[in-house]
Protein backbone atom coordinates (compact mmCIF):
# COMPACT_ATOMS: atom_id res chain seq x y z
CA UNK A 1 213.21 20.64 377.66
CA UNK A 2 215.71 19.56 374.97
CA UNK A 3 214.02 15.97 375.10
CA UNK A 4 210.53 17.54 374.61
CA UNK A 5 211.78 19.74 371.76
CA UNK A 6 213.50 16.70 370.04
CA UNK A 7 210.38 14.61 370.54
CA UNK A 8 208.15 17.28 368.98
CA UNK A 9 210.55 17.68 365.97
CA UNK A 10 210.68 13.82 365.62
CA UNK A 11 206.78 13.70 365.65
CA UNK A 12 206.55 16.68 363.11
CA UNK A 13 208.88 15.06 360.63
CA UNK A 14 207.18 11.81 360.70
CA UNK A 15 203.84 13.38 360.39
CA UNK A 16 204.72 15.60 357.65
CA UNK A 17 206.51 12.79 355.76
CA UNK A 18 203.32 10.70 356.02
CA UNK A 19 201.23 13.52 354.73
CA UNK A 20 203.63 14.08 351.81
CA UNK A 21 203.74 10.43 350.89
CA UNK A 22 199.98 10.12 350.85
CA UNK A 23 198.78 9.95 347.16
CA UNK A 24 196.19 12.48 345.87
CA UNK A 25 192.78 10.95 345.28
CA UNK A 26 192.59 9.64 341.88
CA UNK A 27 189.67 10.70 339.90
CA UNK A 28 187.07 8.04 339.33
CA UNK A 29 187.06 5.58 336.39
CA UNK A 30 184.08 5.79 334.03
CA UNK A 31 182.47 2.83 336.01
CA UNK A 32 182.87 4.75 339.30
CA UNK A 33 180.89 7.75 338.11
CA UNK A 34 177.32 7.90 339.04
CA UNK A 35 174.76 7.03 336.47
CA UNK A 36 173.76 10.75 336.37
CA UNK A 37 177.40 11.69 335.78
CA UNK A 38 177.69 9.02 333.13
CA UNK A 39 174.57 10.32 331.34
CA UNK A 40 175.71 13.99 331.36
CA UNK A 41 179.33 13.12 330.38
CA UNK A 42 178.38 10.40 327.82
CA UNK A 43 180.09 12.07 324.77
CA UNK A 44 183.30 11.63 326.72
CA UNK A 45 182.88 7.85 327.47
CA UNK A 46 185.21 6.57 324.92
CA UNK A 47 188.01 8.90 325.91
CA UNK A 48 187.35 8.99 329.85
CA UNK A 49 190.20 6.61 330.65
CA UNK A 50 192.70 8.67 328.56
CA UNK A 51 191.88 12.00 330.06
CA UNK A 52 194.32 13.47 332.54
CA UNK A 53 193.19 13.67 336.27
CA UNK A 54 192.85 17.30 336.25
CA UNK A 55 190.62 17.26 333.04
CA UNK A 56 188.51 14.56 334.61
CA UNK A 57 188.03 16.75 337.67
CA UNK A 58 187.04 19.69 335.54
CA UNK A 59 184.32 17.54 333.61
CA UNK A 60 183.03 16.11 336.92
CA UNK A 61 182.60 19.74 338.18
CA UNK A 62 180.75 20.63 335.04
CA UNK A 63 178.50 17.51 335.66
CA UNK A 64 177.81 18.70 339.20
CA UNK A 65 176.69 22.14 337.97
CA UNK A 66 174.75 20.59 335.02
CA UNK A 67 171.34 20.03 336.82
CA UNK A 68 171.32 23.66 337.97
CA UNK A 69 171.73 24.93 334.56
CA UNK A 70 169.08 26.44 332.41
CA UNK A 71 167.80 24.15 329.62
CA UNK A 72 169.45 26.27 326.77
CA UNK A 73 172.79 26.13 328.85
CA UNK A 74 172.41 22.33 329.16
CA UNK A 75 172.04 22.00 325.39
CA UNK A 76 174.94 24.25 324.68
CA UNK A 77 177.13 22.27 327.00
CA UNK A 78 176.04 18.97 325.49
CA UNK A 79 176.60 20.19 322.00
CA UNK A 80 180.20 21.48 322.94
CA UNK A 81 181.00 18.39 324.70
CA UNK A 82 180.08 16.37 321.63
CA UNK A 83 182.19 18.46 319.25
CA UNK A 84 185.11 18.59 321.89
CA UNK A 85 185.13 14.64 322.13
CA UNK A 86 185.34 14.72 318.13
CA UNK A 87 188.57 16.77 318.17
CA UNK A 88 191.97 15.17 317.95
CA UNK A 89 194.45 15.71 320.88
CA UNK A 90 196.27 18.30 318.67
CA UNK A 91 193.00 20.22 317.96
CA UNK A 92 192.12 20.29 321.57
CA UNK A 93 195.57 21.72 322.59
CA UNK A 94 195.18 24.40 319.84
CA UNK A 95 191.84 25.19 321.34
CA UNK A 96 193.24 25.63 324.82
CA UNK A 97 195.91 27.73 323.59
CA UNK A 98 193.45 30.00 321.74
CA UNK A 99 191.32 30.24 324.86
CA UNK A 100 194.34 31.32 326.94
CA UNK A 101 195.02 34.02 324.38
CA UNK A 102 191.38 35.22 324.52
CA UNK A 103 191.53 35.42 328.30
CA UNK A 104 194.54 37.69 328.06
CA UNK A 105 192.74 40.28 325.79
CA UNK A 106 191.55 43.53 327.14
CA UNK A 107 187.84 43.65 327.68
CA UNK A 108 187.00 45.98 325.05
CA UNK A 109 188.72 43.76 322.47
CA UNK A 110 186.82 40.85 323.87
CA UNK A 111 183.49 42.78 323.46
CA UNK A 112 184.41 43.57 319.85
CA UNK A 113 185.24 40.05 319.00
CA UNK A 114 182.03 38.80 320.71
CA UNK A 115 179.90 41.37 318.61
CA UNK A 116 181.54 40.28 315.30
CA UNK A 117 181.02 36.69 316.20
CA UNK A 118 177.33 37.41 316.77
CA UNK A 119 177.09 39.22 313.65
CA UNK A 120 178.48 36.25 311.83
CA UNK A 121 176.25 33.76 313.53
CA UNK A 122 173.27 35.87 312.56
CA UNK A 123 174.03 35.34 308.67
CA UNK A 124 172.17 32.76 306.97
CA UNK A 125 173.82 29.32 306.92
CA UNK A 126 174.54 29.41 303.19
CA UNK A 127 176.24 32.62 303.66
CA UNK A 128 178.42 31.45 306.59
CA UNK A 129 179.49 28.41 304.49
CA UNK A 130 180.36 30.64 301.64
CA UNK A 131 182.33 33.07 303.82
CA UNK A 132 184.13 30.09 305.60
CA UNK A 133 185.36 28.94 302.35
CA UNK A 134 186.56 32.54 301.39
CA UNK A 135 190.15 33.25 302.74
CA UNK A 136 190.52 36.19 305.01
CA UNK A 137 192.66 39.15 303.99
CA UNK A 138 196.22 38.77 305.55
CA UNK A 139 196.94 40.81 308.42
CA UNK A 140 200.09 42.61 309.21
CA UNK A 141 200.88 39.72 311.68
CA UNK A 142 199.86 37.00 309.27
CA UNK A 143 202.44 34.21 308.71
CA UNK A 144 204.62 34.38 305.69
CA UNK A 145 204.67 30.55 305.35
CA UNK A 146 202.08 29.03 303.14
CA UNK A 147 199.13 27.49 304.91
CA UNK A 148 198.62 23.97 304.67
CA UNK A 149 195.50 23.12 302.52
CA UNK A 150 192.92 21.72 304.71
CA UNK A 151 189.10 21.98 305.39
CA UNK A 152 188.17 24.81 307.67
CA UNK A 153 188.44 23.86 311.29
CA UNK A 154 185.38 23.05 313.44
CA UNK A 155 183.69 25.83 315.26
CA UNK A 156 185.86 27.19 317.95
CA UNK A 157 185.27 25.57 321.33
CA UNK A 158 186.25 26.29 324.94
CA UNK A 159 188.74 23.80 326.37
CA UNK A 160 187.55 21.23 328.85
CA UNK A 161 188.57 23.19 331.80
CA UNK A 162 186.95 26.42 330.58
CA UNK A 163 183.45 27.43 331.79
CA UNK A 164 180.74 27.32 329.14
CA UNK A 165 180.34 30.81 327.72
CA UNK A 166 178.94 32.36 324.50
CA UNK A 167 182.39 34.03 323.73
CA UNK A 168 184.05 32.48 320.77
CA UNK A 169 187.58 31.19 320.87
CA UNK A 170 189.87 32.54 318.12
CA UNK A 171 193.46 32.99 317.02
CA UNK A 172 192.77 36.34 315.61
CA UNK A 173 189.68 38.55 315.61
CA UNK A 174 186.85 37.15 313.36
CA UNK A 175 185.24 39.52 311.09
CA UNK A 176 181.79 39.22 309.64
CA UNK A 177 183.30 38.09 306.39
CA UNK A 178 185.15 35.01 307.77
CA UNK A 179 184.51 32.59 310.61
CA UNK A 180 186.77 32.42 313.66
CA UNK A 181 189.64 30.15 313.29
CA UNK A 182 189.69 30.08 309.51
CA UNK A 183 193.40 29.90 308.44
CA UNK A 184 194.79 33.24 306.80
CA UNK A 185 195.96 32.81 303.29
CA UNK A 186 199.79 32.88 302.61
CA UNK A 187 201.26 36.20 301.76
CA UNK A 188 202.49 36.46 298.28
């Protein structure tokens, strides 16, 4: 009996160590993607090899769902993917952080932000540009350090691992008087 127990223990230890040592399957290189995946993920081609394995898996998941999407959803995914590919790594990280903040908001606050975003998007393009260059009124939580002068950031985007939605991503609630993501002016 003791010999059988010892043999079982040794077998389990060797089996588990082999399983633990087995490397996780690496996501495919760009060349290993199917032609359909390459076509769908084309905006990411230049950065594909630099993406983290988890990010590659997320994009491959989107590519798998893509054929089942409605045409307008496909257009939105392509547009967002192109915009995402143009962002710097720092901008992508900030977008991911904003997305995580949005996910933690209560549902009623999310609905309010979505409504304000939709109101803003219904404005004529010229009016949106005008509002985008107008600084927002500082809120009570606005930083006291002066904001670095820079061009307004691109339209808020969902991170790579986020599902495609029409909900905007923003640091603070957007108002119809300013686009989401527009930096707040320095407090005087």
